[in-house]
Amino acid sequence: MIALIDTIFGPITNWLSQIITFLNSATIPKSYTFQLSNLFAPLAMISPAWSLLITNIFIMAVTYTVIFIVINTAGLFEKFKNLIKWW
């Protein structure tokens, strides 16, 4: 009976143990830091007025997104409250 079980599950256990050895031997390459100066370099080349306009547009977009999420969450809260009205 043991030989039958070994012939059925032998390839699976060998495959799983092979995966474990591959995962144990895996290495992660040395990471590099993300430099924000590369990302914001075009903003440094434009005039201060344009830079201010871009930052204001970004701040307004974030603010509108937060307000949108809060309003939708309030509607979800009221739906949940109506769902458990029987309490």
Protein backbone atom coordinates (compact mmCIF):
# COMPACT_ATOMS: atom_id res chain seq x y z
CA MET A 1 0.00 0.00 0.00
CA ILE A 2 2.86 2.37 0.77
CA ALA A 3 4.42 1.65 -2.60
CA LEU A 4 1.13 2.50 -4.33
CA ILE A 5 0.83 5.81 -2.50
CA ASP A 6 4.48 6.60 -3.27
CA THR A 7 3.94 5.95 -6.97
CA ILE A 8 0.87 8.22 -7.02
CA PHE A 9 2.20 11.08 -4.91
CA GLY A 10 5.92 10.64 -5.58
CA PRO A 11 6.09 12.94 -8.62
CA ILE A 12 4.02 15.59 -6.85
CA THR A 13 6.19 15.58 -3.73
CA ASN A 14 9.35 15.63 -5.85
CA TRP A 15 7.99 18.58 -7.81
CA LEU A 16 7.05 20.44 -4.62
CA SER A 17 10.44 19.80 -3.01
CA GLN A 18 12.12 21.01 -6.22
CA ILE A 19 10.07 24.21 -6.04
CA ILE A 20 11.13 24.70 -2.41
CA THR A 21 14.82 24.33 -3.29
CA PHE A 22 14.45 26.77 -6.20
CA LEU A 23 12.70 29.31 -3.97
CA ASN A 24 15.33 28.93 -1.25
CA SER A 25 18.11 29.52 -3.75
CA ALA A 26 16.41 32.54 -5.36
CA THR A 27 18.16 35.85 -4.88
CA ILE A 28 16.95 39.39 -5.24
CA PRO A 29 19.18 41.82 -7.11
CA LYS A 30 20.39 44.87 -5.29
CA SER A 31 17.69 47.51 -5.43
CA TYR A 32 18.22 51.06 -6.49
CA THR A 33 16.69 54.03 -4.76
CA PHE A 34 13.98 55.92 -6.56
CA GLN A 35 15.16 59.45 -7.18
CA LEU A 36 12.37 61.99 -7.30
CA SER A 37 14.63 64.53 -8.99
CA ASN A 38 14.42 62.47 -12.19
CA LEU A 39 10.64 62.55 -12.00
CA PHE A 40 10.27 66.26 -11.25
CA ALA A 41 13.09 67.52 -13.50
CA PRO A 42 10.69 68.88 -16.16
CA LEU A 43 8.94 70.98 -13.50
CA ALA A 44 12.24 72.65 -12.64
CA MET A 45 12.68 73.78 -16.26
CA ILE A 46 9.36 75.65 -16.54
CA SER A 47 8.57 79.03 -15.08
CA PRO A 48 7.30 79.36 -11.48
CA ALA A 49 3.83 80.39 -12.68
CA TRP A 50 3.41 77.21 -14.73
CA SER A 51 4.80 75.15 -11.88
CA LEU A 52 2.26 76.72 -9.53
CA LEU A 53 -0.55 75.98 -12.01
CA ILE A 54 0.46 72.31 -12.30
CA THR A 55 0.66 71.91 -8.52
CA ASN A 56 -2.73 73.55 -8.05
CA ILE A 57 -4.30 71.27 -10.66
CA PHE A 58 -2.80 68.25 -8.92
CA ILE A 59 -4.04 69.42 -5.49
CA MET A 60 -7.54 70.04 -6.88
CA ALA A 61 -7.62 66.59 -8.48
CA VAL A 62 -6.64 64.95 -5.20
CA THR A 63 -9.20 67.02 -3.29
CA TYR A 64 -12.00 66.16 -5.72
CA THR A 65 -11.06 62.49 -5.58
CA VAL A 66 -11.21 62.48 -1.77
CA ILE A 67 -14.57 64.27 -1.80
CA PHE A 68 -15.91 61.79 -4.39
CA ILE A 69 -14.82 58.84 -2.23
CA VAL A 70 -16.36 60.37 0.91
CA ILE A 71 -19.69 61.06 -0.81
CA ASN A 72 -19.87 57.55 -2.25
CA THR A 73 -18.96 56.06 1.11
CA ALA A 74 -21.78 58.01 2.77
CA GLY A 75 -24.23 56.55 0.26
CA LEU A 76 -22.87 53.08 0.94
CA PHE A 77 -23.28 53.66 4.68
CA GLU A 78 -26.94 54.60 4.20
CA LYS A 79 -27.54 51.49 2.07
CA PHE A 80 -25.98 49.36 4.80
CA LYS A 81 -28.11 51.11 7.42
CA ASN A 82 -31.28 50.39 5.43
CA LEU A 83 -30.16 46.79 5.01
CA ILE A 84 -30.03 46.20 8.76
CA LYS A 85 -33.17 48.23 9.50
CA TRP A 86 -34.83 45.18 11.02
CA TRP A 87 -32.61 45.47 14.09
